[in-house]
Amino acid sequence: EFFEHLDMPFRAFTLQEMAEAIHPEDRVDVLNTFYHVKNQPDSKT
């Protein structure tokens, strides 16, 4: 549904592509929060 909503073909979507899709001014903050959760069991943000 994610791809359908955006009118994109369904395919594998890497985190690298995800990072490149994020606005440059927001990218560092988003990745920092992601890796904070990834390295902290039972955490959320």
PDB file of all heavy atoms in Angstrom:
ATOM      1  N   GLU A   1       0.820  -1.217   0.000  1.00  0.00           N
ATOM      2  CA  GLU A   1       0.000   0.000   0.000  1.00  0.00           C
ATOM      3  C   GLU A   1       0.856   1.271   0.000  1.00  0.00           C
ATOM      4  O   GLU A   1       0.446   2.305  -0.511  1.00  0.00           O
ATOM      5  CB  GLU A   1      -0.926   0.014   1.217  1.00  0.00           C
ATOM      6  CG  GLU A   1      -2.032  -1.016   1.187  1.00  0.00           C
ATOM      7  CD  GLU A   1      -1.578  -2.358   1.725  1.00  0.00           C
ATOM      8  OE1 GLU A   1      -0.349  -2.539   1.953  1.00  0.00           O
ATOM      9  OE2 GLU A   1      -2.427  -3.233   1.915  1.00  0.00           O
ATOM     10  N   PHE A   2       2.032   1.148   0.593  1.00  0.00           N
ATOM     11  CA  PHE A   2       2.956   2.291   0.638  1.00  0.00           C
ATOM     12  C   PHE A   2       3.302   2.747  -0.773  1.00  0.00           C
ATOM     13  O   PHE A   2       3.251   3.929  -1.106  1.00  0.00           O
ATOM     14  CB  PHE A   2       4.205   1.883   1.409  1.00  0.00           C
ATOM     15  CG  PHE A   2       5.324   2.896   1.385  1.00  0.00           C
ATOM     16  CD1 PHE A   2       5.281   4.009   2.204  1.00  0.00           C
ATOM     17  CD2 PHE A   2       6.414   2.735   0.539  1.00  0.00           C
ATOM     18  CE1 PHE A   2       6.308   4.940   2.190  1.00  0.00           C
ATOM     19  CE2 PHE A   2       7.439   3.667   0.516  1.00  0.00           C
ATOM     20  CZ  PHE A   2       7.376   4.770   1.346  1.00  0.00           C
ATOM     21  N   PHE A   3       3.628   1.793  -1.639  1.00  0.00           N
ATOM     22  CA  PHE A   3       4.008   2.114  -3.019  1.00  0.00           C
ATOM     23  C   PHE A   3       2.792   2.536  -3.843  1.00  0.00           C
ATOM     24  O   PHE A   3       2.884   3.409  -4.703  1.00  0.00           O
ATOM     25  CB  PHE A   3       4.706   0.909  -3.660  1.00  0.00           C
ATOM     26  CG  PHE A   3       6.017   0.569  -3.018  1.00  0.00           C
ATOM     27  CD1 PHE A   3       6.096  -0.396  -2.025  1.00  0.00           C
ATOM     28  CD2 PHE A   3       7.185   1.231  -3.384  1.00  0.00           C
ATOM     29  CE1 PHE A   3       7.306  -0.708  -1.421  1.00  0.00           C
ATOM     30  CE2 PHE A   3       8.393   0.928  -2.791  1.00  0.00           C
ATOM     31  CZ  PHE A   3       8.458  -0.043  -1.799  1.00  0.00           C
ATOM     32  N   GLU A   4       1.661   1.880  -3.592  1.00  0.00           N
ATOM     33  CA  GLU A   4       0.442   2.219  -4.329  1.00  0.00           C
ATOM     34  C   GLU A   4       0.029   3.668  -4.073  1.00  0.00           C
ATOM     35  O   GLU A   4      -0.370   4.389  -4.997  1.00  0.00           O
ATOM     36  CB  GLU A   4      -0.688   1.264  -3.929  1.00  0.00           C
ATOM     37  CG  GLU A   4      -0.501  -0.144  -4.457  1.00  0.00           C
ATOM     38  CD  GLU A   4      -1.568  -1.096  -3.934  1.00  0.00           C
ATOM     39  OE1 GLU A   4      -2.401  -0.647  -3.099  1.00  0.00           O
ATOM     40  OE2 GLU A   4      -1.558  -2.270  -4.333  1.00  0.00           O
ATOM     41  N   HIS A   5       0.125   4.075  -2.816  1.00  0.00           N
ATOM     42  CA  HIS A   5      -0.267   5.441  -2.472  1.00  0.00           C
ATOM     43  C   HIS A   5       0.613   6.478  -3.166  1.00  0.00           C
ATOM     44  O   HIS A   5       0.153   7.534  -3.566  1.00  0.00           O
ATOM     45  CB  HIS A   5      -0.205   5.639  -0.961  1.00  0.00           C
ATOM     46  CG  HIS A   5      -0.595   7.026  -0.536  1.00  0.00           C
ATOM     47  ND1 HIS A   5      -1.913   7.408  -0.367  1.00  0.00           N
ATOM     48  CD2 HIS A   5       0.146   8.123  -0.271  1.00  0.00           C
ATOM     49  CE1 HIS A   5      -1.957   8.681  -0.022  1.00  0.00           C
ATOM     50  NE2 HIS A   5      -0.718   9.140   0.053  1.00  0.00           N
ATOM     51  N   LEU A   6       1.883   6.119  -3.301  1.00  0.00           N
ATOM     52  CA  LEU A   6       2.837   7.046  -3.921  1.00  0.00           C
ATOM     53  C   LEU A   6       2.943   6.842  -5.430  1.00  0.00           C
ATOM     54  O   LEU A   6       3.770   7.486  -6.080  1.00  0.00           O
ATOM     55  CB  LEU A   6       4.214   6.888  -3.277  1.00  0.00           C
ATOM     56  CG  LEU A   6       4.310   7.302  -1.808  1.00  0.00           C
ATOM     57  CD1 LEU A   6       5.661   6.900  -1.235  1.00  0.00           C
ATOM     58  CD2 LEU A   6       4.118   8.810  -1.653  1.00  0.00           C
ATOM     59  N   ASP A   7       2.107   5.955  -5.973  1.00  0.00           N
ATOM     60  CA  ASP A   7       2.121   5.680  -7.410  1.00  0.00           C
ATOM     61  C   ASP A   7       3.502   5.214  -7.856  1.00  0.00           C
ATOM     62  O   ASP A   7       4.067   5.696  -8.847  1.00  0.00           O
ATOM     63  CB  ASP A   7       1.679   6.933  -8.187  1.00  0.00           C
ATOM     64  CG  ASP A   7       1.310   6.609  -9.629  1.00  0.00           C
ATOM     65  OD1 ASP A   7       0.949   5.443  -9.891  1.00  0.00           O
ATOM     66  OD2 ASP A   7       1.392   7.516 -10.485  1.00  0.00           O
ATOM     67  N   MET A   8       4.053   4.263  -7.093  1.00  0.00           N
ATOM     68  CA  MET A   8       5.376   3.711  -7.382  1.00  0.00           C
ATOM     69  C   MET A   8       5.253   2.197  -7.525  1.00  0.00           C
ATOM     70  O   MET A   8       4.411   1.580  -6.863  1.00  0.00           O
ATOM     71  CB  MET A   8       6.360   4.039  -6.239  1.00  0.00           C
ATOM     72  CG  MET A   8       6.670   5.519  -6.084  1.00  0.00           C
ATOM     73  SD  MET A   8       7.557   5.835  -4.530  1.00  0.00           S
ATOM     74  CE  MET A   8       9.073   4.904  -4.790  1.00  0.00           C
ATOM     75  N   PRO A   9       6.092   1.590  -8.356  1.00  0.00           N
ATOM     76  CA  PRO A   9       6.063   0.122  -8.471  1.00  0.00           C
ATOM     77  C   PRO A   9       6.565  -0.533  -7.194  1.00  0.00           C
ATOM     78  O   PRO A   9       7.495  -0.036  -6.554  1.00  0.00           O
ATOM     79  CB  PRO A   9       7.003  -0.158  -9.653  1.00  0.00           C
ATOM     80  CG  PRO A   9       7.904   1.039  -9.723  1.00  0.00           C
ATOM     81  CD  PRO A   9       7.075   2.205  -9.261  1.00  0.00           C
ATOM     82  N   PHE A  10       5.951  -1.621  -6.832  1.00  0.00           N
ATOM     83  CA  PHE A  10       6.358  -2.352  -5.628  1.00  0.00           C
ATOM     84  C   PHE A  10       7.724  -2.981  -5.849  1.00  0.00           C
ATOM     85  O   PHE A  10       7.968  -3.630  -6.858  1.00  0.00           O
ATOM     86  CB  PHE A  10       5.320  -3.426  -5.302  1.00  0.00           C
ATOM     87  CG  PHE A  10       5.644  -4.222  -4.077  1.00  0.00           C
ATOM     88  CD1 PHE A  10       5.654  -3.625  -2.828  1.00  0.00           C
ATOM     89  CD2 PHE A  10       5.955  -5.568  -4.175  1.00  0.00           C
ATOM     90  CE1 PHE A  10       5.949  -4.354  -1.685  1.00  0.00           C
ATOM     91  CE2 PHE A  10       6.258  -6.311  -3.047  1.00  0.00           C
ATOM     92  CZ  PHE A  10       6.254  -5.705  -1.796  1.00  0.00           C
ATOM     93  N   ARG A  11       8.631  -2.790  -4.914  1.00  0.00           N
ATOM     94  CA  ARG A  11       9.993  -3.309  -5.056  1.00  0.00           C
ATOM     95  C   ARG A  11      10.696  -3.275  -3.709  1.00  0.00           C
ATOM     96  O   ARG A  11      10.171  -2.742  -2.732  1.00  0.00           O
ATOM     97  CB  ARG A  11      10.792  -2.459  -6.057  1.00  0.00           C
ATOM     98  CG  ARG A  11      10.929  -1.006  -5.649  1.00  0.00           C
ATOM     99  CD  ARG A  11      11.680  -0.212  -6.700  1.00  0.00           C
ATOM    100  NE  ARG A  11      11.760   1.201  -6.378  1.00  0.00           N
ATOM    101  CZ  ARG A  11      12.630   1.752  -5.529  1.00  0.00           C
ATOM    102  NH1 ARG A  11      13.503   0.977  -4.905  1.00  0.00           N
ATOM    103  NH2 ARG A  11      12.633   3.051  -5.311  1.00  0.00           N
ATOM    104  N   ALA A  12      11.894  -3.826  -3.664  1.00  0.00           N
ATOM    105  CA  ALA A  12      12.718  -3.730  -2.460  1.00  0.00           C
ATOM    106  C   ALA A  12      13.179  -2.276  -2.302  1.00  0.00           C
ATOM    107  O   ALA A  12      13.502  -1.611  -3.280  1.00  0.00           O
ATOM    108  CB  ALA A  12      13.921  -4.664  -2.579  1.00  0.00           C
ATOM    109  N   PHE A  13      13.185  -1.812  -1.084  1.00  0.00           N
ATOM    110  CA  PHE A  13      13.523  -0.406  -0.813  1.00  0.00           C
ATOM    111  C   PHE A  13      14.559  -0.376   0.296  1.00  0.00           C
ATOM    112  O   PHE A  13      14.267  -0.668   1.453  1.00  0.00           O
ATOM    113  CB  PHE A  13      12.255   0.336  -0.370  1.00  0.00           C
ATOM    114  CG  PHE A  13      12.319   1.825  -0.541  1.00  0.00           C
ATOM    115  CD1 PHE A  13      12.215   2.410  -1.796  1.00  0.00           C
ATOM    116  CD2 PHE A  13      12.466   2.659   0.553  1.00  0.00           C
ATOM    117  CE1 PHE A  13      12.255   3.781  -1.955  1.00  0.00           C
ATOM    118  CE2 PHE A  13      12.507   4.030   0.401  1.00  0.00           C
ATOM    119  CZ  PHE A  13      12.399   4.597  -0.851  1.00  0.00           C
ATOM    120  N   THR A  14      15.820  -0.039  -0.051  1.00  0.00           N
ATOM    121  CA  THR A  14      16.897  -0.106   0.935  1.00  0.00           C
ATOM    122  C   THR A  14      16.862   1.089   1.878  1.00  0.00           C
ATOM    123  O   THR A  14      16.284   2.133   1.577  1.00  0.00           O
ATOM    124  CB  THR A  14      18.266  -0.130   0.239  1.00  0.00           C
ATOM    125  OG1 THR A  14      18.473   1.136  -0.393  1.00  0.00           O
ATOM    126  CG2 THR A  14      18.346  -1.246  -0.785  1.00  0.00           C
ATOM    127  N   LEU A  15      17.510   0.910   3.011  1.00  0.00           N
ATOM    128  CA  LEU A  15      17.599   2.018   3.969  1.00  0.00           C
ATOM    129  C   LEU A  15      18.419   3.162   3.391  1.00  0.00           C
ATOM    130  O   LEU A  15      18.201   4.327   3.713  1.00  0.00           O
ATOM    131  CB  LEU A  15      18.209   1.540   5.280  1.00  0.00           C
ATOM    132  CG  LEU A  15      18.216   2.563   6.423  1.00  0.00           C
ATOM    133  CD1 LEU A  15      16.807   3.023   6.746  1.00  0.00           C
ATOM    134  CD2 LEU A  15      18.887   1.975   7.659  1.00  0.00           C
ATOM    135  N   GLN A  16      19.364   2.821   2.503  1.00  0.00           N
ATOM    136  CA  GLN A  16      20.134   3.860   1.821  1.00  0.00           C
ATOM    137  C   GLN A  16      19.196   4.750   0.998  1.00  0.00           C
ATOM    138  O   GLN A  16      19.282   5.981   1.027  1.00  0.00           O
ATOM    139  CB  GLN A  16      21.187   3.225   0.913  1.00  0.00           C
ATOM    140  CG  GLN A  16      22.014   4.210   0.104  1.00  0.00           C
ATOM    141  CD  GLN A  16      22.961   5.021   0.966  1.00  0.00           C
ATOM    142  OE1 GLN A  16      23.436   4.523   1.993  1.00  0.00           O
ATOM    143  NE2 GLN A  16      23.216   6.260   0.583  1.00  0.00           N
ATOM    144  N   GLU A  17      18.259   4.115   0.277  1.00  0.00           N
ATOM    145  CA  GLU A  17      17.285   4.890  -0.495  1.00  0.00           C
ATOM    146  C   GLU A  17      16.387   5.699   0.431  1.00  0.00           C
ATOM    147  O   GLU A  17      16.015   6.828   0.131  1.00  0.00           O
ATOM    148  CB  GLU A  17      16.431   3.946  -1.357  1.00  0.00           C
ATOM    149  CG  GLU A  17      17.179   3.320  -2.515  1.00  0.00           C
ATOM    150  CD  GLU A  17      16.291   2.370  -3.278  1.00  0.00           C
ATOM    151  OE1 GLU A  17      16.022   1.261  -2.761  1.00  0.00           O
ATOM    152  OE2 GLU A  17      15.858   2.731  -4.402  1.00  0.00           O
ATOM    153  N   MET A  18      16.025   5.064   1.541  1.00  0.00           N
ATOM    154  CA  MET A  18      15.203   5.769   2.531  1.00  0.00           C
ATOM    155  C   MET A  18      15.921   7.019   3.023  1.00  0.00           C
ATOM    156  O   MET A  18      15.344   8.111   3.097  1.00  0.00           O
ATOM    157  CB  MET A  18      14.921   4.826   3.711  1.00  0.00           C
ATOM    158  CG  MET A  18      14.163   5.451   4.854  1.00  0.00           C
ATOM    159  SD  MET A  18      12.452   5.780   4.442  1.00  0.00           S
ATOM    160  CE  MET A  18      11.929   6.601   5.961  1.00  0.00           C
ATOM    161  N   ALA A  19      17.207   6.883   3.322  1.00  0.00           N
ATOM    162  CA  ALA A  19      17.989   8.024   3.818  1.00  0.00           C
ATOM    163  C   ALA A  19      18.074   9.126   2.768  1.00  0.00           C
ATOM    164  O   ALA A  19      17.964  10.314   3.075  1.00  0.00           O
ATOM    165  CB  ALA A  19      19.390   7.565   4.217  1.00  0.00           C
ATOM    166  N   GLU A  20      18.246   8.718   1.493  1.00  0.00           N
ATOM    167  CA  GLU A  20      18.355   9.705   0.417  1.00  0.00           C
ATOM    168  C   GLU A  20      17.031  10.413   0.154  1.00  0.00           C
ATOM    169  O   GLU A  20      17.004  11.544  -0.345  1.00  0.00           O
ATOM    170  CB  GLU A  20      18.848   9.019  -0.857  1.00  0.00           C
ATOM    171  CG  GLU A  20      20.309   8.589  -0.771  1.00  0.00           C
ATOM    172  CD  GLU A  20      20.749   7.743  -1.947  1.00  0.00           C
ATOM    173  OE1 GLU A  20      19.891   7.429  -2.806  1.00  0.00           O
ATOM    174  OE2 GLU A  20      21.942   7.383  -2.014  1.00  0.00           O
ATOM    175  N   ALA A  21      15.920   9.750   0.502  1.00  0.00           N
ATOM    176  CA  ALA A  21      14.606  10.368   0.310  1.00  0.00           C
ATOM    177  C   ALA A  21      14.304  11.423   1.363  1.00  0.00           C
ATOM    178  O   ALA A  21      13.452  12.293   1.163  1.00  0.00           O
ATOM    179  CB  ALA A  21      13.518   9.298   0.336  1.00  0.00           C
ATOM    180  N   ILE A  22      15.018  11.370   2.493  1.00  0.00           N
ATOM    181  CA  ILE A  22      14.791  12.331   3.586  1.00  0.00           C
ATOM    182  C   ILE A  22      15.458  13.657   3.249  1.00  0.00           C
ATOM    183  O   ILE A  22      16.567  13.695   2.696  1.00  0.00           O
ATOM    184  CB  ILE A  22      15.343  11.773   4.918  1.00  0.00           C
ATOM    185  CG1 ILE A  22      14.611  10.482   5.291  1.00  0.00           C
ATOM    186  CG2 ILE A  22      15.206  12.792   6.043  1.00  0.00           C
ATOM    187  CD1 ILE A  22      15.230   9.743   6.460  1.00  0.00           C
ATOM    188  N   HIS A  23      14.810  14.734   3.574  1.00  0.00           N
ATOM    189  CA  HIS A  23      15.363  16.073   3.325  1.00  0.00           C
ATOM    190  C   HIS A  23      16.736  16.197   3.985  1.00  0.00           C
ATOM    191  O   HIS A  23      16.912  15.771   5.137  1.00  0.00           O
ATOM    192  CB  HIS A  23      14.406  17.130   3.882  1.00  0.00           C
ATOM    193  CG  HIS A  23      14.689  18.520   3.402  1.00  0.00           C
ATOM    194  ND1 HIS A  23      15.761  19.265   3.849  1.00  0.00           N
ATOM    195  CD2 HIS A  23      14.040  19.301   2.494  1.00  0.00           C
ATOM    196  CE1 HIS A  23      15.755  20.437   3.254  1.00  0.00           C
ATOM    197  NE2 HIS A  23      14.724  20.490   2.427  1.00  0.00           N
ATOM    198  N   PRO A  24      17.721  16.769   3.289  1.00  0.00           N
ATOM    199  CA  PRO A  24      19.081  16.865   3.858  1.00  0.00           C
ATOM    200  C   PRO A  24      19.124  17.518   5.243  1.00  0.00           C
ATOM    201  O   PRO A  24      19.949  17.135   6.078  1.00  0.00           O
ATOM    202  CB  PRO A  24      19.830  17.725   2.824  1.00  0.00           C
ATOM    203  CG  PRO A  24      19.108  17.483   1.547  1.00  0.00           C
ATOM    204  CD  PRO A  24      17.661  17.279   1.908  1.00  0.00           C
ATOM    205  N   GLU A  25      18.241  18.486   5.489  1.00  0.00           N
ATOM    206  CA  GLU A  25      18.247  19.170   6.795  1.00  0.00           C
ATOM    207  C   GLU A  25      17.727  18.266   7.909  1.00  0.00           C
ATOM    208  O   GLU A  25      18.012  18.511   9.083  1.00  0.00           O
ATOM    209  CB  GLU A  25      17.406  20.439   6.726  1.00  0.00           C
ATOM    210  CG  GLU A  25      17.991  21.521   5.834  1.00  0.00           C
ATOM    211  CD  GLU A  25      17.103  22.751   5.756  1.00  0.00           C
ATOM    212  OE1 GLU A  25      16.067  22.792   6.477  1.00  0.00           O
ATOM    213  OE2 GLU A  25      17.424  23.658   4.976  1.00  0.00           O
ATOM    214  N   ASP A  26      16.971  17.226   7.566  1.00  0.00           N
ATOM    215  CA  ASP A  26      16.370  16.339   8.577  1.00  0.00           C
ATOM    216  C   ASP A  26      17.098  15.005   8.705  1.00  0.00           C
ATOM    217  O   ASP A  26      16.885  14.259   9.656  1.00  0.00           O
ATOM    218  CB  ASP A  26      14.901  16.050   8.218  1.00  0.00           C
ATOM    219  CG  ASP A  26      14.083  17.321   8.057  1.00  0.00           C
ATOM    220  OD1 ASP A  26      14.439  18.326   8.689  1.00  0.00           O
ATOM    221  OD2 ASP A  26      13.090  17.301   7.301  1.00  0.00           O
ATOM    222  N   ARG A  27      17.946  14.686   7.732  1.00  0.00           N
ATOM    223  CA  ARG A  27      18.494  13.330   7.592  1.00  0.00           C
ATOM    224  C   ARG A  27      19.279  12.867   8.821  1.00  0.00           C
ATOM    225  O   ARG A  27      19.058  11.759   9.338  1.00  0.00           O
ATOM    226  CB  ARG A  27      19.387  13.275   6.351  1.00  0.00           C
ATOM    227  CG  ARG A  27      19.776  11.874   5.925  1.00  0.00           C
ATOM    228  CD  ARG A  27      20.479  11.934   4.587  1.00  0.00           C
ATOM    229  NE  ARG A  27      19.612  12.455   3.544  1.00  0.00           N
ATOM    230  CZ  ARG A  27      20.030  13.119   2.480  1.00  0.00           C
ATOM    231  NH1 ARG A  27      21.320  13.372   2.326  1.00  0.00           N
ATOM    232  NH2 ARG A  27      19.169  13.551   1.570  1.00  0.00           N
ATOM    233  N   VAL A  28      20.182  13.693   9.307  1.00  0.00           N
ATOM    234  CA  VAL A  28      21.031  13.281  10.431  1.00  0.00           C
ATOM    235  C   VAL A  28      20.189  12.983  11.661  1.00  0.00           C
ATOM    236  O   VAL A  28      20.382  11.969  12.349  1.00  0.00           O
ATOM    237  CB  VAL A  28      22.080  14.372  10.746  1.00  0.00           C
ATOM    238  CG1 VAL A  28      22.831  14.034  12.027  1.00  0.00           C
ATOM    239  CG2 VAL A  28      23.070  14.502   9.599  1.00  0.00           C
ATOM    240  N   ASP A  29      19.225  13.839  11.934  1.00  0.00           N
ATOM    241  CA  ASP A  29      18.377  13.659  13.108  1.00  0.00           C
ATOM    242  C   ASP A  29      17.584  12.359  13.016  1.00  0.00           C
ATOM    243  O   ASP A  29      17.479  11.601  13.989  1.00  0.00           O
ATOM    244  CB  ASP A  29      17.423  14.855  13.247  1.00  0.00           C
ATOM    245  CG  ASP A  29      16.531  14.736  14.468  1.00  0.00           C
ATOM    246  OD1 ASP A  29      17.076  14.601  15.577  1.00  0.00           O
ATOM    247  OD2 ASP A  29      15.289  14.775  14.305  1.00  0.00           O
ATOM    248  N   VAL A  30      17.023  12.081  11.826  1.00  0.00           N
ATOM    249  CA  VAL A  30      16.217  10.863  11.647  1.00  0.00           C
ATOM    250  C   VAL A  30      17.080   9.618  11.838  1.00  0.00           C
ATOM    251  O   VAL A  30      16.703   8.682  12.558  1.00  0.00           O
ATOM    252  CB  VAL A  30      15.556  10.849  10.253  1.00  0.00           C
ATOM    253  CG1 VAL A  30      14.885   9.500   9.999  1.00  0.00           C
ATOM    254  CG2 VAL A  30      14.538  11.969  10.150  1.00  0.00           C
ATOM    255  N   LEU A  31      18.242   9.587  11.201  1.00  0.00           N
ATOM    256  CA  LEU A  31      19.109   8.410  11.306  1.00  0.00           C
ATOM    257  C   LEU A  31      19.621   8.222  12.729  1.00  0.00           C
ATOM    258  O   LEU A  31      19.764   7.092  13.208  1.00  0.00           O
ATOM    259  CB  LEU A  31      20.269   8.520  10.319  1.00  0.00           C
ATOM    260  CG  LEU A  31      19.858   8.432   8.840  1.00  0.00           C
ATOM    261  CD1 LEU A  31      21.070   8.633   7.941  1.00  0.00           C
ATOM    262  CD2 LEU A  31      19.187   7.098   8.534  1.00  0.00           C
ATOM    263  N   ASN A  32      19.888   9.324  13.414  1.00  0.00           N
ATOM    264  CA  ASN A  32      20.335   9.222  14.809  1.00  0.00           C
ATOM    265  C   ASN A  32      19.261   8.588  15.680  1.00  0.00           C
ATOM    266  O   ASN A  32      19.544   7.735  16.522  1.00  0.00           O
ATOM    267  CB  ASN A  32      20.701  10.603  15.356  1.00  0.00           C
ATOM    268  CG  ASN A  32      22.066  11.061  14.888  1.00  0.00           C
ATOM    269  OD1 ASN A  32      22.873  10.253  14.429  1.00  0.00           O
ATOM    270  ND2 ASN A  32      22.335  12.354  14.992  1.00  0.00           N
ATOM    271  N   THR A  33      18.008   9.008  15.486  1.00  0.00           N
ATOM    272  CA  THR A  33      16.926   8.434  16.300  1.00  0.00           C
ATOM    273  C   THR A  33      16.732   6.948  15.952  1.00  0.00           C
ATOM    274  O   THR A  33      16.475   6.129  16.833  1.00  0.00           O
ATOM    275  CB  THR A  33      15.601   9.184  16.084  1.00  0.00           C
ATOM    276  OG1 THR A  33      15.245   9.157  14.704  1.00  0.00           O
ATOM    277  CG2 THR A  33      15.714  10.619  16.539  1.00  0.00           C
ATOM    278  N   PHE A  34      16.877   6.618  14.674  1.00  0.00           N
ATOM    279  CA  PHE A  34      16.726   5.220  14.259  1.00  0.00           C
ATOM    280  C   PHE A  34      17.790   4.335  14.915  1.00  0.00           C
ATOM    281  O   PHE A  34      17.485   3.300  15.502  1.00  0.00           O
ATOM    282  CB  PHE A  34      16.807   5.109  12.741  1.00  0.00           C
ATOM    283  CG  PHE A  34      16.934   3.686  12.260  1.00  0.00           C
ATOM    284  CD1 PHE A  34      15.850   2.839  12.293  1.00  0.00           C
ATOM    285  CD2 PHE A  34      18.154   3.208  11.803  1.00  0.00           C
ATOM    286  CE1 PHE A  34      15.964   1.519  11.874  1.00  0.00           C
ATOM    287  CE2 PHE A  34      18.273   1.898  11.386  1.00  0.00           C
ATOM    288  CZ  PHE A  34      17.180   1.042  11.413  1.00  0.00           C
ATOM    289  N   TYR A  35      19.058   4.756  14.827  1.00  0.00           N
ATOM    290  CA  TYR A  35      20.118   3.932  15.379  1.00  0.00           C
ATOM    291  C   TYR A  35      20.104   3.917  16.907  1.00  0.00           C
ATOM    292  O   TYR A  35      20.548   2.955  17.527  1.00  0.00           O
ATOM    293  CB  TYR A  35      21.481   4.381  14.837  1.00  0.00           C
ATOM    294  CG  TYR A  35      21.717   3.876  13.439  1.00  0.00           C
ATOM    295  CD1 TYR A  35      21.769   4.755  12.361  1.00  0.00           C
ATOM    296  CD2 TYR A  35      21.853   2.507  13.189  1.00  0.00           C
ATOM    297  CE1 TYR A  35      21.949   4.283  11.077  1.00  0.00           C
ATOM    298  CE2 TYR A  35      22.042   2.030  11.904  1.00  0.00           C
ATOM    299  CZ  TYR A  35      22.087   2.928  10.852  1.00  0.00           C
ATOM    300  OH  TYR A  35      22.260   2.450   9.571  1.00  0.00           O
ATOM    301  N   HIS A  36      19.555   4.972  17.492  1.00  0.00           N
ATOM    302  CA  HIS A  36      19.398   4.961  18.948  1.00  0.00           C
ATOM    303  C   HIS A  36      18.454   3.835  19.351  1.00  0.00           C
ATOM    304  O   HIS A  36      18.723   3.073  20.282  1.00  0.00           O
ATOM    305  CB  HIS A  36      18.842   6.308  19.424  1.00  0.00           C
ATOM    306  CG  HIS A  36      18.452   6.312  20.876  1.00  0.00           C
ATOM    307  ND1 HIS A  36      19.378   6.365  21.891  1.00  0.00           N
ATOM    308  CD2 HIS A  36      17.211   6.242  21.468  1.00  0.00           C
ATOM    309  CE1 HIS A  36      18.741   6.320  23.055  1.00  0.00           C
ATOM    310  NE2 HIS A  36      17.432   6.262  22.829  1.00  0.00           N
ATOM    311  N   VAL A  37      17.329   3.692  18.636  1.00  0.00           N
ATOM    312  CA  VAL A  37      16.376   2.619  18.930  1.00  0.00           C
ATOM    313  C   VAL A  37      16.974   1.257  18.590  1.00  0.00           C
ATOM    314  O   VAL A  37      16.820   0.281  19.332  1.00  0.00           O
ATOM    315  CB  VAL A  37      15.060   2.843  18.147  1.00  0.00           C
ATOM    316  CG1 VAL A  37      14.130   1.644  18.295  1.00  0.00           C
ATOM    317  CG2 VAL A  37      14.362   4.091  18.646  1.00  0.00           C
ATOM    318  N   LYS A  38      17.667   1.201  17.466  1.00  0.00           N
ATOM    319  CA  LYS A  38      18.266  -0.074  17.027  1.00  0.00           C
ATOM    320  C   LYS A  38      19.224  -0.626  18.082  1.00  0.00           C
ATOM    321  O   LYS A  38      19.308  -1.839  18.294  1.00  0.00           O
ATOM    322  CB  LYS A  38      19.007   0.159  15.715  1.00  0.00           C
ATOM    323  CG  LYS A  38      19.699  -1.079  15.139  1.00  0.00           C
ATOM    324  CD  LYS A  38      20.341  -0.727  13.824  1.00  0.00           C
ATOM    325  CE  LYS A  38      21.058  -1.937  13.224  1.00  0.00           C
ATOM    326  NZ  LYS A  38      22.214  -2.366  14.016  1.00  0.00           N
ATOM    327  N   ASN A  39      19.931   0.257  18.766  1.00  0.00           N
ATOM    328  CA  ASN A  39      20.936  -0.178  19.743  1.00  0.00           C
ATOM    329  C   ASN A  39      20.425  -0.216  21.175  1.00  0.00           C
ATOM    330  O   ASN A  39      21.194  -0.496  22.091  1.00  0.00           O
ATOM    331  CB  ASN A  39      22.158   0.736  19.664  1.00  0.00           C
ATOM    332  CG  ASN A  39      22.858   0.637  18.322  1.00  0.00           C
ATOM    333  OD1 ASN A  39      23.025  -0.456  17.779  1.00  0.00           O
ATOM    334  ND2 ASN A  39      23.242   1.773  17.756  1.00  0.00           N
ATOM    335  N   GLN A  40      19.161   0.082  21.363  1.00  0.00           N
ATOM    336  CA  GLN A  40      18.588   0.092  22.706  1.00  0.00           C
ATOM    337  C   GLN A  40      17.392  -0.849  22.771  1.00  0.00           C
ATOM    338  O   GLN A  40      16.296  -0.498  22.328  1.00  0.00           O
ATOM    339  CB  GLN A  40      18.147   1.508  23.096  1.00  0.00           C
ATOM    340  CG  GLN A  40      19.268   2.523  23.194  1.00  0.00           C
ATOM    341  CD  GLN A  40      20.151   2.262  24.407  1.00  0.00           C
ATOM    342  OE1 GLN A  40      19.701   1.791  25.434  1.00  0.00           O
ATOM    343  NE2 GLN A  40      21.429   2.568  24.266  1.00  0.00           N
ATOM    344  N   PRO A  41      17.558  -2.078  23.290  1.00  0.00           N
ATOM    345  CA  PRO A  41      16.420  -3.000  23.405  1.00  0.00           C
ATOM    346  C   PRO A  41      15.281  -2.387  24.220  1.00  0.00           C
ATOM    347  O   PRO A  41      15.512  -1.597  25.138  1.00  0.00           O
ATOM    348  CB  PRO A  41      17.018  -4.210  24.141  1.00  0.00           C
ATOM    349  CG  PRO A  41      18.485  -4.118  23.890  1.00  0.00           C
ATOM    350  CD  PRO A  41      18.805  -2.660  23.793  1.00  0.00           C
ATOM    351  N   ASP A  42      14.066  -2.735  23.835  1.00  0.00           N
ATOM    352  CA  ASP A  42      12.862  -2.272  24.533  1.00  0.00           C
ATOM    353  C   ASP A  42      12.729  -0.754  24.509  1.00  0.00           C
ATOM    354  O   ASP A  42      12.191  -0.159  25.446  1.00  0.00           O
ATOM    355  CB  ASP A  42      12.845  -2.762  25.989  1.00  0.00           C
ATOM    356  CG  ASP A  42      12.873  -4.279  26.065  1.00  0.00           C
ATOM    357  OD1 ASP A  42      12.164  -4.919  25.272  1.00  0.00           O
ATOM    358  OD2 ASP A  42      13.616  -4.810  26.914  1.00  0.00           O
ATOM    359  N   SER A  43      13.231  -0.116  23.472  1.00  0.00           N
ATOM    360  CA  SER A  43      13.126   1.348  23.388  1.00  0.00           C
ATOM    361  C   SER A  43      12.219   1.743  22.230  1.00  0.00           C
ATOM    362  O   SER A  43      11.941   0.943  21.339  1.00  0.00           O
ATOM    363  CB  SER A  43      14.503   1.980  23.189  1.00  0.00           C
ATOM    364  OG  SER A  43      15.062   1.570  21.955  1.00  0.00           O
ATOM    365  N   LYS A  44      11.763   2.972  22.272  1.00  0.00           N
ATOM    366  CA  LYS A  44      10.925   3.497  21.192  1.00  0.00           C
ATOM    367  C   LYS A  44      11.133   5.007  21.100  1.00  0.00           C
ATOM    368  O   LYS A  44      11.517   5.657  22.076  1.00  0.00           O
ATOM    369  CB  LYS A  44       9.452   3.181  21.438  1.00  0.00           C
ATOM    370  CG  LYS A  44       8.890   3.769  22.719  1.00  0.00           C
ATOM    371  CD  LYS A  44       7.438   3.347  22.891  1.00  0.00           C
ATOM    372  CE  LYS A  44       6.865   3.925  24.195  1.00  0.00           C
ATOM    373  NZ  LYS A  44       5.447   3.534  24.393  1.00  0.00           N
ATOM    374  N   THR A  45      10.877   5.552  19.938  1.00  0.00           N
ATOM    375  CA  THR A  45      10.991   6.997  19.757  1.00  0.00           C
ATOM    376  C   THR A  45      10.209   7.400  18.511  1.00  0.00           C
ATOM    377  O   THR A  45       9.717   6.534  17.777  1.00  0.00           O
ATOM    378  CB  THR A  45      12.461   7.438  19.623  1.00  0.00           C
ATOM    379  OG1 THR A  45      12.540   8.864  19.686  1.00  0.00           O
ATOM    380  CG2 THR A  45      13.051   6.993  18.295  1.00  0.00           C
TER     381      THR A  45
END
